[in-house]
Amino acid sequence: MAPRARERILSNLETVYREAYDRAKETGDERRMHDLDSAYQREQLLLEVLLDIRDALTAPAPEPTRQPGTSALATLETLRRVSKLR
C-alpha cells in the first residue's frame, strides 16, 4: 500500500482545524480561536517533520560507487583495514 501523499495529509489537518476554528468564530470565542491557531501551527510543523522522516526512510538507497578498475578483493581489503582502525 502506497503512503498517502504529503499534500493530502496536510490538507486533512487543515480541514479539521478550519472546521473547529470556524465553530469558535461563530460563537465569538476568541480565546479558542487563538488556541486552535497555535495548535494548528505546532501540529503542522510536527507533521511535516514526521513526513520528512517517512520520506527519508522510504527513499531508495543510493547505488554504491566504485572506482573504475578496482577489484572486489581490493575493496574488501580496504574495508578490512578501515574497520581495524576503529
Protein backbone atom coordinates (compact mmCIF):
# COMPACT_ATOMS: atom_id res chain seq x y z
CA MET A 1 0.00 0.00 0.00
CA ALA A 2 1.44 3.34 -1.04
CA PRO A 3 1.78 6.03 1.62
CA ARG A 4 -0.67 8.90 1.49
CA ALA A 5 0.53 11.98 -0.31
CA ARG A 6 2.02 14.77 1.80
CA GLU A 7 -0.40 17.38 0.43
CA ARG A 8 -3.41 15.19 1.20
CA ILE A 9 -2.30 14.68 4.80
CA LEU A 10 -1.61 18.38 5.36
CA SER A 11 -4.92 19.26 3.72
CA ASN A 12 -6.77 16.91 6.07
CA LEU A 13 -5.08 18.54 9.06
CA GLU A 14 -6.08 21.97 7.83
CA THR A 15 -9.69 20.85 7.28
CA VAL A 16 -10.00 19.53 10.83
CA TYR A 17 -8.65 22.73 12.34
CA ARG A 18 -10.54 25.00 9.95
CA GLU A 19 -13.87 23.44 10.97
CA ALA A 20 -13.10 23.84 14.68
CA TYR A 21 -11.83 27.39 14.11
CA ASP A 22 -14.99 28.36 12.21
CA ARG A 23 -17.17 26.99 15.02
CA ALA A 24 -15.23 29.04 17.57
CA LYS A 25 -15.52 32.10 15.33
CA GLU A 26 -19.30 31.68 15.06
CA THR A 27 -19.62 31.70 18.85
CA GLY A 28 -17.17 34.59 19.22
CA ASP A 29 -14.75 32.53 21.30
CA GLU A 30 -11.54 34.43 20.53
CA ARG A 31 -9.51 32.53 23.11
CA ARG A 32 -10.45 29.22 21.46
CA MET A 33 -9.63 30.67 18.04
CA HIS A 34 -6.17 31.69 19.28
CA ASP A 35 -5.60 28.28 20.91
CA LEU A 36 -6.64 26.49 17.72
CA ASP A 37 -4.39 28.68 15.59
CA SER A 38 -1.40 27.93 17.84
CA ALA A 39 -2.18 24.22 17.99
CA TYR A 40 -2.54 24.04 14.22
CA GLN A 41 0.87 25.62 13.68
CA ARG A 42 2.53 23.24 16.16
CA GLU A 43 0.88 20.16 14.71
CA GLN A 44 1.61 21.22 11.14
CA LEU A 45 5.30 21.57 11.98
CA LEU A 46 5.38 18.23 13.79
CA LEU A 47 3.55 16.51 10.94
CA GLU A 48 5.94 17.94 8.36
CA VAL A 49 8.90 16.62 10.35
CA LEU A 50 7.29 13.18 10.57
CA LEU A 51 6.57 13.21 6.85
CA ASP A 52 10.20 14.16 6.16
CA ILE A 53 11.31 11.21 8.29
CA ARG A 54 8.90 8.91 6.44
CA ASP A 55 10.21 10.12 3.10
CA ALA A 56 13.81 9.61 4.19
CA LEU A 57 13.13 6.08 5.40
CA THR A 58 11.30 5.06 2.25
CA ALA A 59 13.73 6.64 -0.23
CA PRO A 60 15.68 4.12 -2.29
CA ALA A 61 19.26 3.61 -1.18
CA PRO A 62 21.86 5.20 -3.45
CA GLU A 63 23.88 2.88 -5.60
CA PRO A 64 27.36 2.26 -4.17
CA THR A 65 30.07 3.89 -6.20
CA ARG A 66 33.21 2.06 -7.12
CA GLN A 67 36.30 3.38 -8.75
CA PRO A 68 36.83 2.00 -12.24
CA GLY A 69 39.46 -0.69 -12.29
CA THR A 70 39.14 -1.63 -8.60
CA SER A 71 38.51 -5.26 -7.94
CA ALA A 72 36.10 -6.59 -5.38
CA LEU A 73 39.03 -8.11 -3.46
CA ALA A 74 40.79 -4.75 -3.27
CA THR A 75 37.59 -3.13 -2.00
CA LEU A 76 37.19 -5.82 0.67
CA GLU A 77 40.80 -5.37 1.76
CA THR A 78 40.27 -1.63 2.11
CA LEU A 79 37.13 -2.20 4.19
CA ARG A 80 39.02 -4.66 6.41
CA ARG A 81 41.79 -2.15 7.04
CA VAL A 82 39.40 0.69 7.76
CA SER A 83 37.36 -1.38 10.19
CA LYS A 84 40.53 -2.31 12.14
CA LEU A 85 41.36 1.36 12.60
CA ARG A 86 38.22 1.97 14.60
